[in-house]
């Protein structure tokens, strides 16, 4: 399982990426979704993801 974090300041973009990943990439687990770079950095430090979408 690939663990990922989504970071974007637009709510619609986060929701679309979440839907795309859940629909087409079942082996990718979203461990956090962040709407700012500050929260994104904190989530990266906490979760240690394999992949980050900005």
PDB file of N, CA and C in Angstrom:
ATOM      1  N   UNK A   1       0.842  -1.179   0.000  1.00  0.00           N
ATOM      2  CA  UNK A   1       0.000   0.000   0.000  1.00  0.00           C
ATOM      3  C   UNK A   1       0.892   1.248   0.000  1.00  0.00           C
ATOM      4  N   UNK A   2       0.592   2.179  -0.876  1.00  0.00           N
ATOM      5  CA  UNK A   2       1.302   3.452  -0.960  1.00  0.00           C
ATOM      6  C   UNK A   2       0.548   4.474  -0.117  1.00  0.00           C
ATOM      7  N   UNK A   3       1.238   5.076   0.824  1.00  0.00           N
ATOM      8  CA  UNK A   3       0.616   6.077   1.693  1.00  0.00           C
ATOM      9  C   UNK A   3       0.893   7.463   1.114  1.00  0.00           C
ATOM     10  N   UNK A   4      -0.169   8.286   0.989  1.00  0.00           N
ATOM     11  CA  UNK A   4       0.018   9.603   0.389  1.00  0.00           C
ATOM     12  C   UNK A   4      -0.683  10.694   1.188  1.00  0.00           C
ATOM     13  N   UNK A   5      -0.255  11.915   0.924  1.00  0.00           N
ATOM     14  CA  UNK A   5      -0.859  13.114   1.497  1.00  0.00           C
ATOM     15  C   UNK A   5      -1.230  14.030   0.350  1.00  0.00           C
ATOM     16  N   UNK A   6      -2.403  14.643   0.440  1.00  0.00           N
ATOM     17  CA  UNK A   6      -2.857  15.610  -0.546  1.00  0.00           C
ATOM     18  C   UNK A   6      -2.781  17.002   0.075  1.00  0.00           C
ATOM     19  N   UNK A   7      -2.174  17.950  -0.649  1.00  0.00           N
ATOM     20  CA  UNK A   7      -2.067  19.323  -0.158  1.00  0.00           C
ATOM     21  C   UNK A   7      -2.517  20.266  -1.272  1.00  0.00           C
ATOM     22  N   UNK A   8      -3.549  21.049  -0.996  1.00  0.00           N
ATOM     23  CA  UNK A   8      -4.030  22.039  -1.963  1.00  0.00           C
ATOM     24  C   UNK A   8      -4.886  23.047  -1.222  1.00  0.00           C
ATOM     25  N   UNK A   9      -4.824  24.303  -1.637  1.00  0.00           N
ATOM     26  CA  UNK A   9      -5.612  25.333  -0.963  1.00  0.00           C
ATOM     27  C   UNK A   9      -7.029  25.441  -1.523  1.00  0.00           C
ATOM     28  N   UNK A  10      -7.340  24.667  -2.555  1.00  0.00           N
ATOM     29  CA  UNK A  10      -8.691  24.672  -3.118  1.00  0.00           C
ATOM     30  C   UNK A  10      -9.415  23.386  -2.721  1.00  0.00           C
ATOM     31  N   UNK A  11     -10.536  23.542  -2.033  1.00  0.00           N
ATOM     32  CA  UNK A  11     -11.303  22.393  -1.537  1.00  0.00           C
ATOM     33  C   UNK A  11     -11.730  21.476  -2.675  1.00  0.00           C
ATOM     34  N   UNK A  12     -12.191  22.056  -3.792  1.00  0.00           N
ATOM     35  CA  UNK A  12     -12.638  21.238  -4.924  1.00  0.00           C
ATOM     36  C   UNK A  12     -11.507  20.384  -5.484  1.00  0.00           C
ATOM     37  N   UNK A  13     -10.305  20.930  -5.542  1.00  0.00           N
ATOM     38  CA  UNK A  13      -9.158  20.181  -6.054  1.00  0.00           C
ATOM     39  C   UNK A  13      -8.827  19.005  -5.135  1.00  0.00           C
ATOM     40  N   UNK A  14      -8.886  19.228  -3.828  1.00  0.00           N
ATOM     41  CA  UNK A  14      -8.645  18.139  -2.875  1.00  0.00           C
ATOM     42  C   UNK A  14      -9.679  17.038  -3.039  1.00  0.00           C
ATOM     43  N   UNK A  15     -10.935  17.430  -3.141  1.00  0.00           N
ATOM     44  CA  UNK A  15     -12.005  16.445  -3.275  1.00  0.00           C
ATOM     45  C   UNK A  15     -11.896  15.658  -4.588  1.00  0.00           C
ATOM     46  N   UNK A  16     -11.537  16.336  -5.672  1.00  0.00           N
ATOM     47  CA  UNK A  16     -11.390  15.661  -6.952  1.00  0.00           C
ATOM     48  C   UNK A  16     -10.227  14.674  -6.921  1.00  0.00           C
ATOM     49  N   UNK A  17      -9.095  15.089  -6.367  1.00  0.00           N
ATOM     50  CA  UNK A  17      -7.948  14.188  -6.275  1.00  0.00           C
ATOM     51  C   UNK A  17      -8.271  12.992  -5.388  1.00  0.00           C
ATOM     52  N   UNK A  18      -8.976  13.230  -4.294  1.00  0.00           N
ATOM     53  CA  UNK A  18      -9.390  12.135  -3.420  1.00  0.00           C
ATOM     54  C   UNK A  18     -10.261  11.147  -4.195  1.00  0.00           C
ATOM     55  N   UNK A  19     -11.230  11.649  -4.933  1.00  0.00           N
ATOM     56  CA  UNK A  19     -12.123  10.786  -5.707  1.00  0.00           C
ATOM     57  C   UNK A  19     -11.349   9.999  -6.761  1.00  0.00           C
ATOM     58  N   UNK A  20     -10.463  10.686  -7.482  1.00  0.00           N
ATOM     59  CA  UNK A  20      -9.672  10.012  -8.518  1.00  0.00           C
ATOM     60  C   UNK A  20      -8.817   8.892  -7.929  1.00  0.00           C
ATOM     61  N   UNK A  21      -8.154   9.170  -6.825  1.00  0.00           N
ATOM     62  CA  UNK A  21      -7.311   8.151  -6.211  1.00  0.00           C
ATOM     63  C   UNK A  21      -8.129   6.971  -5.701  1.00  0.00           C
ATOM     64  N   UNK A  22      -9.243   7.240  -5.042  1.00  0.00           N
ATOM     65  CA  UNK A  22     -10.077   6.150  -4.523  1.00  0.00           C
ATOM     66  C   UNK A  22     -10.699   5.331  -5.648  1.00  0.00           C
ATOM     67  N   UNK A  23     -11.012   5.982  -6.768  1.00  0.00           N
ATOM     68  CA  UNK A  23     -11.648   5.298  -7.887  1.00  0.00           C
ATOM     69  C   UNK A  23     -10.657   4.495  -8.716  1.00  0.00           C
ATOM     70  N   UNK A  24      -9.511   5.084  -9.026  1.00  0.00           N
ATOM     71  CA  UNK A  24      -8.577   4.479  -9.975  1.00  0.00           C
ATOM     72  C   UNK A  24      -7.306   3.907  -9.362  1.00  0.00           C
ATOM     73  N   UNK A  25      -7.048   4.196  -8.110  1.00  0.00           N
ATOM     74  CA  UNK A  25      -5.804   3.732  -7.478  1.00  0.00           C
ATOM     75  C   UNK A  25      -6.108   3.123  -6.105  1.00  0.00           C
ATOM     76  N   UNK A  26      -6.733   1.957  -6.085  1.00  0.00           N
ATOM     77  CA  UNK A  26      -7.114   1.374  -4.800  1.00  0.00           C
ATOM     78  C   UNK A  26      -5.923   0.997  -3.915  1.00  0.00           C
ATOM     79  N   UNK A  27      -4.729   0.925  -4.488  1.00  0.00           N
ATOM     80  CA  UNK A  27      -3.546   0.601  -3.697  1.00  0.00           C
ATOM     81  C   UNK A  27      -2.892   1.831  -3.074  1.00  0.00           C
ATOM     82  N   UNK A  28      -3.514   3.004  -3.239  1.00  0.00           N
ATOM     83  CA  UNK A  28      -3.012   4.243  -2.633  1.00  0.00           C
ATOM     84  C   UNK A  28      -3.919   4.619  -1.470  1.00  0.00           C
ATOM     85  N   UNK A  29      -3.330   4.759  -0.304  1.00  0.00           N
ATOM     86  CA  UNK A  29      -4.071   5.147   0.904  1.00  0.00           C
ATOM     87  C   UNK A  29      -3.804   6.618   1.194  1.00  0.00           C
ATOM     88  N   UNK A  30      -4.853   7.407   1.303  1.00  0.00           N
ATOM     89  CA  UNK A  30      -4.721   8.826   1.658  1.00  0.00           C
ATOM     90  C   UNK A  30      -4.686   8.915   3.183  1.00  0.00           C
ATOM     91  N   UNK A  31      -3.548   9.335   3.720  1.00  0.00           N
ATOM     92  CA  UNK A  31      -3.411   9.410   5.172  1.00  0.00           C
ATOM     93  C   UNK A  31      -3.722  10.801   5.713  1.00  0.00           C
ATOM     94  N   UNK A  32      -3.709  11.825   4.836  1.00  0.00           N
ATOM     95  CA  UNK A  32      -4.043  13.185   5.279  1.00  0.00           C
ATOM     96  C   UNK A  32      -4.382  14.042   4.062  1.00  0.00           C
ATOM     97  N   UNK A  33      -5.278  14.998   4.289  1.00  0.00           N
ATOM     98  CA  UNK A  33      -5.632  16.001   3.288  1.00  0.00           C
ATOM     99  C   UNK A  33      -5.488  17.360   3.967  1.00  0.00           C
ATOM    100  N   UNK A  34      -4.677  18.245   3.381  1.00  0.00           N
ATOM    101  CA  UNK A  34      -4.368  19.524   4.015  1.00  0.00           C
ATOM    102  C   UNK A  34      -4.677  20.675   3.064  1.00  0.00           C
ATOM    103  N   UNK A  35      -5.139  21.793   3.641  1.00  0.00           N
ATOM    104  CA  UNK A  35      -5.490  22.945   2.810  1.00  0.00           C
ATOM    105  C   UNK A  35      -4.493  24.101   2.948  1.00  0.00           C
ATOM    106  N   UNK A  36      -3.325  23.829   3.542  1.00  0.00           N
ATOM    107  CA  UNK A  36      -2.277  24.852   3.618  1.00  0.00           C
ATOM    108  C   UNK A  36      -0.916  24.167   3.670  1.00  0.00           C
ATOM    109  N   UNK A  37       0.102  24.911   3.303  1.00  0.00           N
ATOM    110  CA  UNK A  37       1.447  24.336   3.319  1.00  0.00           C
ATOM    111  C   UNK A  37       1.912  24.049   4.752  1.00  0.00           C
ATOM    112  N   UNK A  38       1.517  24.883   5.688  1.00  0.00           N
ATOM    113  CA  UNK A  38       1.907  24.666   7.076  1.00  0.00           C
ATOM    114  C   UNK A  38       1.349  23.343   7.601  1.00  0.00           C
ATOM    115  N   UNK A  39       0.061  23.099   7.342  1.00  0.00           N
ATOM    116  CA  UNK A  39      -0.549  21.834   7.761  1.00  0.00           C
ATOM    117  C   UNK A  39       0.054  20.665   6.999  1.00  0.00           C
ATOM    118  N   UNK A  40       0.398  20.896   5.740  1.00  0.00           N
ATOM    119  CA  UNK A  40       1.006  19.855   4.927  1.00  0.00           C
ATOM    120  C   UNK A  40       2.355  19.416   5.476  1.00  0.00           C
ATOM    121  N   UNK A  41       3.192  20.375   5.849  1.00  0.00           N
ATOM    122  CA  UNK A  41       4.500  20.046   6.417  1.00  0.00           C
ATOM    123  C   UNK A  41       4.337  19.262   7.718  1.00  0.00           C
ATOM    124  N   UNK A  42       3.394  19.680   8.540  1.00  0.00           N
ATOM    125  CA  UNK A  42       3.130  18.977   9.800  1.00  0.00           C
ATOM    126  C   UNK A  42       2.668  17.536   9.531  1.00  0.00           C
ATOM    127  N   UNK A  43       1.777  17.362   8.549  1.00  0.00           N
ATOM    128  CA  UNK A  43       1.274  16.025   8.214  1.00  0.00           C
ATOM    129  C   UNK A  43       2.390  15.146   7.654  1.00  0.00           C
ATOM    130  N   UNK A  44       3.266  15.723   6.843  1.00  0.00           N
ATOM    131  CA  UNK A  44       4.390  14.959   6.296  1.00  0.00           C
ATOM    132  C   UNK A  44       5.293  14.467   7.424  1.00  0.00           C
ATOM    133  N   UNK A  45       5.573  15.330   8.372  1.00  0.00           N
ATOM    134  CA  UNK A  45       6.419  14.934   9.504  1.00  0.00           C
ATOM    135  C   UNK A  45       5.750  13.849  10.349  1.00  0.00           C
ATOM    136  N   UNK A  46       4.451  13.967  10.517  1.00  0.00           N
ATOM    137  CA  UNK A  46       3.726  13.017  11.366  1.00  0.00           C
ATOM    138  C   UNK A  46       3.540  11.662  10.682  1.00  0.00           C
ATOM    139  N   UNK A  47       3.136  11.654   9.406  1.00  0.00           N
ATOM    140  CA  UNK A  47       2.749  10.411   8.735  1.00  0.00           C
ATOM    141  C   UNK A  47       3.853   9.746   7.922  1.00  0.00           C
ATOM    142  N   UNK A  48       4.898  10.495   7.551  1.00  0.00           N
ATOM    143  CA  UNK A  48       5.980   9.945   6.737  1.00  0.00           C
ATOM    144  C   UNK A  48       5.445   9.219   5.498  1.00  0.00           C
ATOM    145  N   UNK A  49       4.744   9.949   4.600  1.00  0.00           N
ATOM    146  CA  UNK A  49       4.126   9.294   3.448  1.00  0.00           C
ATOM    147  C   UNK A  49       5.153   8.885   2.388  1.00  0.00           C
ATOM    148  N   UNK A  50       4.720   7.995   1.489  1.00  0.00           N
ATOM    149  CA  UNK A  50       5.538   7.593   0.356  1.00  0.00           C
ATOM    150  C   UNK A  50       5.418   8.602  -0.778  1.00  0.00           C
ATOM    151  N   UNK A  51       4.294   9.309  -0.812  1.00  0.00           N
ATOM    152  CA  UNK A  51       3.957  10.174  -1.934  1.00  0.00           C
ATOM    153  C   UNK A  51       3.207  11.404  -1.443  1.00  0.00           C
ATOM    154  N   UNK A  52       3.490  12.576  -2.013  1.00  0.00           N
ATOM    155  CA  UNK A  52       2.790  13.809  -1.663  1.00  0.00           C
ATOM    156  C   UNK A  52       2.310  14.471  -2.947  1.00  0.00           C
ATOM    157  N   UNK A  53       1.026  14.787  -3.009  1.00  0.00           N
ATOM    158  CA  UNK A  53       0.461  15.524  -4.126  1.00  0.00           C
ATOM    159  C   UNK A  53       0.284  16.975  -3.703  1.00  0.00           C
ATOM    160  N   UNK A  54       0.861  17.907  -4.477  1.00  0.00           N
ATOM    161  CA  UNK A  54       0.750  19.337  -4.177  1.00  0.00           C
ATOM    162  C   UNK A  54      -0.081  20.014  -5.225  1.00  0.00           C
TER     163      UNK A  54
END
